[in-house]
Amino acid sequence: MPFTDLPSEIIHMVLSQKCLGTEELQPFLRCKRTSTAAYHRLLSGRNISITCLDKHVDMNDHFDFGLYGVTSTSDVGTLKCHLHHCLKPARLRLGALKRSSKITLNMRFDGTSVALLRNLTHLASHLAHSTPKELHLHVKLAYEGNEPSKSIFSVLKSLAAIPHCSSHLKLCLQAHHLLFFAANMSELDLTSLNVRTHGEFAELKEPVSFDVSDISKLKIMSNYAIPNLSFTGCENSALQTLEFHLPISAHSQWIQENQLKNIQSLEDLRIFSVNDCHSLQVLMSGTYTLPHLLNLYISFTELIHDIDCFDFDTFAPALDFLFIQDRRSTKTCNKVCKYTV
């Protein structure tokens, strides 16, 4: 696509992957004849480094939100940022956000994300007076220590507190950050929470507890086991969807304490995968009923001896779809057909 309405100088700088400074960009940004769409076409999808002073990374400046993901700090105290999309003036961009009914913010925090924190706090104060119906926060934590966690959590708390707005948090973090965020997550006004751990650790042995009293959906993903995983607020919970994607043992705390039976609001339960259990009866820790459960998915790595005789009618009388898989077979059924492969 041609960029005929862009000055040839900036086209050359961008296409040559040159590191652009604010003094080079400012003349073009102030040029009224240059359209925002042209900048978007030229810069979108390109990994262009923009160097700017911290004082320039401000809501009142020309930079778009995509520029606020700080990746490193140079020796001279400047911030190197990645430009993810167009250079539309921040004031206009903010106006568009405030008029949106659904907003998605992608954030990556590392050890030098001071400007990002400041601008997100500013953004939260503006959105508090707007009318979004849904706010989706996609957050990746990429720092080593724990020092930034409190500041980041404070910003997330401000964003999730927008009146009359459902907030959905997708959090990707290292294992050693999980303890802090799980312990404080009840302070966030969330509709759904999706947590994914990354990094190298054999097993997270410390107790990890999630308060499920106010959220409707919880998804936990990890390549490693969390044996001391548990839930609080089960008796008064409105949790409808619970999904695990991590190695699960029958000795896990939430199984041993039979915590599922207290989450009577569950409609969708997905467990992938159970490693050392040979019985559905053991996994469910006794006989109880989840009256609203509609969908049940469980994957086992071992052979399950009671897969054909488990009393699903008592366990989930409203069950609409069932998927049970072990090392030998897959049992699936719905209200129309039943079969075992």
Protein backbone atom coordinates (compact mmCIF):
# COMPACT_ATOMS: atom_id res chain seq x y z
CA MET A 1 0.00 0.00 0.00
CA PRO A 2 1.49 3.39 -0.95
CA PHE A 3 2.35 6.03 1.62
CA THR A 4 2.07 9.01 -0.70
CA ASP A 5 0.80 11.38 1.99
CA LEU A 6 3.85 10.80 4.18
CA PRO A 7 7.08 12.81 3.96
CA SER A 8 9.78 10.81 2.20
CA GLU A 9 12.22 11.44 5.06
CA ILE A 10 10.20 9.52 7.64
CA ILE A 11 9.44 6.71 5.19
CA HIS A 12 13.17 6.27 4.69
CA MET A 13 13.89 6.32 8.44
CA VAL A 14 11.23 3.73 9.24
CA LEU A 15 11.94 1.36 6.38
CA SER A 16 15.66 1.49 7.16
CA GLN A 17 14.88 0.45 10.77
CA LYS A 18 16.65 3.51 12.10
CA CYS A 19 16.27 4.35 15.80
CA LEU A 20 14.08 7.44 15.77
CA GLY A 21 14.34 10.25 18.30
CA THR A 22 11.63 12.68 19.35
CA GLU A 23 13.44 15.56 17.66
CA GLU A 24 13.19 13.67 14.35
CA LEU A 25 9.53 12.77 14.70
CA GLN A 26 8.12 16.00 16.09
CA PRO A 27 8.11 18.00 12.82
CA PHE A 28 6.11 15.28 11.07
CA LEU A 29 3.73 14.83 13.98
CA ARG A 30 2.93 18.54 13.96
CA CYS A 31 2.30 18.55 10.22
CA LYS A 32 -1.48 18.78 9.78
CA ARG A 33 -1.39 17.58 6.18
CA THR A 34 -0.07 14.17 7.24
CA SER A 35 -2.89 11.77 8.12
CA THR A 36 -2.86 9.41 11.08
CA ALA A 37 -3.94 6.57 8.78
CA ALA A 38 -0.73 6.95 6.80
CA TYR A 39 1.38 6.61 9.94
CA HIS A 40 -0.62 3.56 10.91
CA ARG A 41 -0.06 1.85 7.56
CA LEU A 42 3.64 2.57 7.65
CA LEU A 43 4.42 1.75 11.27
CA SER A 44 1.90 -0.94 12.23
CA GLY A 45 3.50 -4.34 12.71
CA ARG A 46 7.04 -3.00 12.52
CA ASN A 47 9.40 -3.39 15.46
CA ILE A 48 10.67 0.18 15.45
CA SER A 49 12.66 1.48 18.41
CA ILE A 50 11.72 4.98 19.47
CA THR A 51 14.04 6.73 21.91
CA CYS A 52 12.46 9.39 24.07
CA LEU A 53 13.05 11.06 27.41
CA ASP A 54 10.88 9.92 30.30
CA LYS A 55 9.24 13.36 30.51
CA HIS A 56 7.99 12.93 26.94
CA VAL A 57 6.19 9.65 27.67
CA ASP A 58 3.09 11.37 28.99
CA MET A 59 -0.64 11.30 28.30
CA ASN A 60 -0.52 14.91 27.12
CA ASP A 61 2.21 14.22 24.59
CA HIS A 62 1.92 12.88 21.07
CA PHE A 63 2.68 9.25 21.82
CA ASP A 64 0.02 6.58 21.50
CA PHE A 65 -0.61 3.94 24.19
CA GLY A 66 1.30 1.38 22.16
CA LEU A 67 4.49 3.30 22.86
CA TYR A 68 4.27 2.98 26.64
CA GLY A 69 5.67 -0.55 26.91
CA VAL A 70 9.13 0.26 28.23
CA THR A 71 11.68 -2.46 27.49
CA SER A 72 15.00 -1.13 28.75
CA THR A 73 16.83 1.88 30.15
CA SER A 74 19.97 3.15 28.47
CA ASP A 75 23.05 4.52 30.21
CA VAL A 76 21.98 8.09 29.50
CA GLY A 77 18.63 7.67 31.22
CA THR A 78 16.42 7.48 28.15
CA LEU A 79 13.66 4.96 27.61
CA LYS A 80 13.65 2.63 24.63
CA CYS A 81 10.08 1.81 23.70
CA HIS A 82 8.44 -0.34 21.06
CA LEU A 83 5.86 1.28 18.85
CA HIS A 84 3.04 -1.22 18.36
CA HIS A 85 0.67 0.84 16.26
CA CYS A 86 -0.02 4.34 14.98
CA LEU A 87 1.17 7.69 16.28
CA LYS A 88 -2.29 9.14 16.73
CA PRO A 89 -2.19 11.97 19.31
CA ALA A 90 -2.83 10.64 22.80
CA ARG A 91 -5.71 13.05 23.48
CA LEU A 92 -7.62 11.80 20.46
CA ARG A 93 -6.80 8.21 21.32
CA LEU A 94 -8.06 8.73 24.85
CA GLY A 95 -11.30 10.17 23.52
CA ALA A 96 -11.84 7.08 21.38
CA LEU A 97 -11.17 4.83 24.37
CA LYS A 98 -13.63 6.72 26.54
CA ARG A 99 -16.36 6.22 23.94
CA SER A 100 -15.69 2.49 23.51
CA SER A 101 -18.01 -0.10 25.03
CA LYS A 102 -15.26 -2.75 25.07
CA ILE A 103 -11.61 -1.97 25.78
CA THR A 104 -8.61 -4.32 25.66
CA LEU A 105 -5.30 -3.17 27.11
CA ASN A 106 -2.13 -5.20 26.51
CA MET A 107 0.56 -4.49 29.09
CA ARG A 108 4.04 -5.84 29.66
CA PHE A 109 5.81 -4.87 32.86
CA ASP A 110 9.54 -5.19 33.30
CA GLY A 111 11.96 -3.54 35.68
CA THR A 112 11.76 -0.12 34.00
CA SER A 113 8.03 0.34 33.52
CA VAL A 114 7.71 3.54 35.56
CA ALA A 115 6.19 5.57 32.74
CA LEU A 116 3.75 2.79 31.91
CA LEU A 117 2.49 2.68 35.50
CA ARG A 118 2.03 6.45 35.58
CA ASN A 119 0.11 6.56 32.33
CA LEU A 120 -2.14 3.63 33.23
CA THR A 121 -3.04 5.38 36.48
CA HIS A 122 -3.92 8.47 34.46
CA LEU A 123 -5.93 6.33 32.05
CA ALA A 124 -7.88 4.70 34.90
CA SER A 125 -8.93 8.11 36.22
CA HIS A 126 -10.28 9.06 32.78
CA LEU A 127 -12.09 5.77 32.19
CA ALA A 128 -13.79 6.04 35.58
CA HIS A 129 -15.91 8.84 34.07
CA SER A 130 -16.64 7.03 30.80
CA THR A 131 -19.00 4.21 29.90
CA PRO A 132 -17.15 1.00 28.90
CA LYS A 133 -19.14 -2.17 29.47
CA GLU A 134 -16.15 -4.54 29.29
CA LEU A 135 -12.50 -4.08 30.17
CA HIS A 136 -10.02 -6.81 29.20
CA LEU A 137 -6.59 -6.53 30.81
CA HIS A 138 -3.87 -8.69 29.26
CA VAL A 139 -0.86 -8.43 31.56
CA LYS A 140 2.58 -10.03 31.33
CA LEU A 141 5.05 -9.68 34.20
CA ALA A 142 8.67 -9.91 33.05
CA TYR A 143 10.69 -8.70 36.02
CA GLU A 144 12.74 -10.82 38.42
CA GLY A 145 12.28 -9.37 41.90
CA ASN A 146 9.07 -8.58 43.78
CA GLU A 147 9.53 -4.84 44.19
CA PRO A 148 7.26 -3.69 41.29
CA SER A 149 4.40 -6.06 42.24
CA LYS A 150 2.62 -3.70 44.65
CA SER A 151 2.67 -0.78 42.22
CA ILE A 152 1.40 -2.95 39.37
CA PHE A 153 -1.32 -4.41 41.56
CA SER A 154 -2.40 -0.91 42.58
CA VAL A 155 -2.77 0.09 38.91
CA LEU A 156 -4.75 -3.06 38.11
CA LYS A 157 -7.00 -2.34 41.08
CA SER A 158 -7.73 1.15 39.74
CA LEU A 159 -8.51 -0.17 36.26
CA ALA A 160 -10.75 -2.95 37.57
CA ALA A 161 -12.74 -0.50 39.70
CA ILE A 162 -14.45 1.30 36.81
CA PRO A 163 -18.17 1.57 37.72
CA HIS A 164 -20.70 -0.58 35.86
CA CYS A 165 -17.93 -2.33 33.90
CA SER A 166 -17.06 -6.02 33.91
CA SER A 167 -13.30 -6.55 34.19
CA HIS A 168 -11.49 -9.59 32.80
CA LEU A 169 -7.85 -10.18 33.72
CA LYS A 170 -5.48 -12.43 31.80
CA LEU A 171 -2.25 -12.62 33.80
CA CYS A 172 0.99 -14.23 32.61
CA LEU A 173 3.60 -14.32 35.35
CA GLN A 174 6.55 -16.20 36.77
CA ALA A 175 5.94 -18.76 39.48
CA HIS A 176 7.47 -16.70 42.29
CA HIS A 177 5.02 -13.86 41.56
CA LEU A 178 1.99 -16.16 41.77
CA LEU A 179 1.96 -16.22 45.57
CA PHE A 180 1.62 -12.44 45.88
CA PHE A 181 -1.03 -11.99 43.20
CA ALA A 182 -3.12 -14.99 44.29
CA ALA A 183 -3.12 -13.76 47.89
CA ASN A 184 -4.30 -10.28 46.90
CA MET A 185 -6.58 -11.07 43.96
CA SER A 186 -9.74 -10.74 46.08
CA GLU A 187 -9.11 -6.98 46.20
CA LEU A 188 -9.70 -6.75 42.44
CA ASP A 189 -13.26 -6.39 41.21
CA LEU A 190 -13.04 -9.06 38.49
CA THR A 191 -15.58 -11.00 36.47
CA SER A 192 -13.05 -13.52 35.19
CA LEU A 193 -9.43 -14.42 35.89
CA ASN A 194 -7.03 -16.31 33.64
CA VAL A 195 -3.65 -17.07 35.24
CA ARG A 196 -0.71 -18.61 33.41
CA THR A 197 2.70 -19.25 34.98
CA HIS A 198 5.94 -19.42 33.02
CA GLY A 199 9.57 -19.91 33.90
CA GLU A 200 11.62 -22.81 35.19
CA PHE A 201 10.53 -24.42 38.43
CA ALA A 202 10.02 -28.09 39.26
CA GLU A 203 7.00 -27.64 41.49
CA LEU A 204 5.48 -24.77 43.43
CA LYS A 205 5.23 -26.23 46.93
CA GLU A 206 4.13 -23.08 48.77
CA PRO A 207 0.38 -22.72 49.50
CA VAL A 208 -1.43 -20.88 46.71
CA SER A 209 -5.01 -19.86 47.44
CA PHE A 210 -7.57 -18.12 45.22
CA ASP A 211 -10.67 -16.39 46.56
CA VAL A 212 -13.55 -17.45 44.27
CA SER A 213 -16.34 -15.66 46.12
CA ASP A 214 -16.88 -12.91 43.54
CA ILE A 215 -15.57 -14.12 40.16
CA SER A 216 -17.59 -16.11 37.64
CA LYS A 217 -14.70 -17.72 35.73
CA LEU A 218 -11.27 -18.97 36.82
CA LYS A 219 -8.68 -20.59 34.56
CA ILE A 220 -5.27 -21.72 35.83
CA MET A 221 -2.50 -22.83 33.47
CA SER A 222 0.96 -24.12 34.36
CA ASN A 223 3.53 -26.59 33.07
CA TYR A 224 4.25 -27.64 36.64
CA ALA A 225 2.19 -28.93 39.55
CA ILE A 226 0.86 -26.74 42.35
CA PRO A 227 0.10 -29.38 45.02
CA ASN A 228 -0.95 -26.88 47.70
CA LEU A 229 -3.51 -25.13 45.50
CA SER A 230 -6.77 -24.31 47.28
CA PHE A 231 -9.80 -22.02 47.13
CA THR A 232 -11.55 -19.79 49.63
CA GLY A 233 -15.03 -18.30 49.57
CA CYS A 234 -16.48 -21.48 48.05
CA GLU A 235 -19.70 -21.51 50.11
CA ASN A 236 -20.84 -18.10 48.85
CA SER A 237 -19.23 -18.36 45.44
CA ALA A 238 -20.87 -17.38 42.16
CA LEU A 239 -18.16 -19.23 40.20
CA GLN A 240 -19.62 -20.77 37.04
CA THR A 241 -16.52 -21.91 35.14
CA LEU A 242 -13.44 -23.57 36.63
CA GLU A 243 -10.66 -24.77 34.34
CA PHE A 244 -7.29 -26.37 35.10
CA HIS A 245 -4.46 -26.88 32.61
CA LEU A 246 -1.67 -28.23 34.81
CA PRO A 247 -0.44 -31.55 36.24
CA ILE A 248 -2.87 -32.48 39.03
CA SER A 249 -2.39 -35.08 41.74
CA ALA A 250 -5.13 -36.74 43.77
CA HIS A 251 -3.21 -35.44 46.78
CA SER A 252 -3.75 -31.81 45.77
CA GLN A 253 -5.12 -29.74 48.61
CA TRP A 254 -8.36 -28.73 46.90
CA ILE A 255 -9.11 -32.40 46.18
CA GLN A 256 -8.14 -33.65 49.64
CA GLU A 257 -10.37 -31.03 51.27
CA ASN A 258 -13.23 -31.78 48.87
CA GLN A 259 -13.63 -28.10 48.04
CA LEU A 260 -15.58 -28.60 44.80
CA LYS A 261 -18.69 -29.75 46.62
CA ASN A 262 -19.10 -26.29 48.15
CA ILE A 263 -19.05 -24.48 44.79
CA GLN A 264 -22.69 -25.18 44.03
CA SER A 265 -22.85 -22.55 41.27
CA LEU A 266 -20.48 -24.45 38.94
CA GLU A 267 -21.75 -24.90 35.38
CA ASP A 268 -18.54 -25.79 33.55
CA LEU A 269 -15.70 -27.88 35.04
CA ARG A 270 -12.57 -28.76 33.04
CA ILE A 271 -9.62 -30.62 34.56
CA PHE A 272 -6.55 -31.33 32.38
CA SER A 273 -4.87 -33.47 33.50
CA VAL A 274 -4.89 -35.83 36.51
CA ASN A 275 -1.67 -37.81 36.89
CA ASP A 276 -1.82 -40.34 39.72
CA CYS A 277 -5.49 -41.17 40.18
CA HIS A 278 -7.28 -44.36 39.06
CA SER A 279 -10.79 -43.51 40.19
CA LEU A 280 -13.39 -40.82 39.55
CA GLN A 281 -14.75 -41.50 43.02
CA VAL A 282 -11.38 -40.64 44.55
CA LEU A 283 -11.00 -37.51 42.43
CA MET A 284 -14.43 -36.25 43.47
CA SER A 285 -13.70 -37.16 47.12
CA GLY A 286 -17.00 -38.84 47.89
CA THR A 287 -20.60 -38.46 46.80
CA TYR A 288 -22.16 -35.02 46.40
CA THR A 289 -24.18 -33.09 43.84
CA LEU A 290 -23.35 -30.10 41.69
CA PRO A 291 -26.92 -29.22 40.65
CA HIS A 292 -26.08 -26.65 37.96
CA LEU A 293 -23.15 -28.43 36.28
CA LEU A 294 -23.74 -28.58 32.51
CA ASN A 295 -20.30 -29.44 31.08
CA LEU A 296 -17.68 -31.77 32.53
CA TYR A 297 -14.26 -32.43 30.96
CA ILE A 298 -11.63 -34.54 32.74
CA SER A 299 -8.42 -36.00 31.34
CA PHE A 300 -6.46 -38.74 33.18
CA THR A 301 -3.00 -40.03 32.37
CA GLU A 302 -3.76 -43.38 34.09
CA LEU A 303 -6.44 -46.03 33.57
CA ILE A 304 -9.72 -45.26 35.38
CA HIS A 305 -11.46 -48.38 36.69
CA ASP A 306 -14.86 -46.77 37.48
CA ILE A 307 -15.32 -44.68 34.34
CA ASP A 308 -18.39 -46.72 33.30
CA CYS A 309 -20.03 -47.10 36.70
CA PHE A 310 -19.64 -43.64 38.20
CA ASP A 311 -23.03 -42.14 39.14
CA PHE A 312 -23.10 -39.05 36.95
CA ASP A 313 -26.87 -38.68 37.45
CA THR A 314 -26.33 -38.01 41.14
CA PHE A 315 -23.15 -36.00 40.72
CA ALA A 316 -24.52 -33.68 38.00
CA PRO A 317 -28.25 -34.16 37.32
CA ALA A 318 -28.31 -31.26 34.83
CA LEU A 319 -25.25 -32.49 32.90
CA ASP A 320 -25.50 -31.70 29.19
CA PHE A 321 -22.04 -32.66 27.93
CA LEU A 322 -19.50 -35.12 29.31
CA PHE A 323 -15.93 -35.82 28.22
CA ILE A 324 -13.82 -38.26 30.25
CA GLN A 325 -10.51 -39.49 28.86
CA ASP A 326 -7.98 -41.91 30.31
CA ARG A 327 -5.02 -43.80 28.87
CA ARG A 328 -7.28 -46.44 27.40
CA SER A 329 -10.40 -44.75 26.09
CA THR A 330 -12.51 -41.65 25.71
CA LYS A 331 -16.03 -41.55 27.07
CA THR A 332 -18.21 -38.73 25.83
CA CYS A 333 -21.93 -38.16 25.87
CA ASN A 334 -24.60 -35.53 25.65
CA LYS A 335 -28.38 -35.57 25.77
CA VAL A 336 -28.54 -36.80 22.18
CA CYS A 337 -26.02 -39.63 22.08
CA LYS A 338 -23.70 -41.66 24.30
CA TYR A 339 -20.66 -43.59 23.18
CA THR A 340 -17.29 -44.84 24.32
CA VAL A 341 -14.25 -44.89 22.04
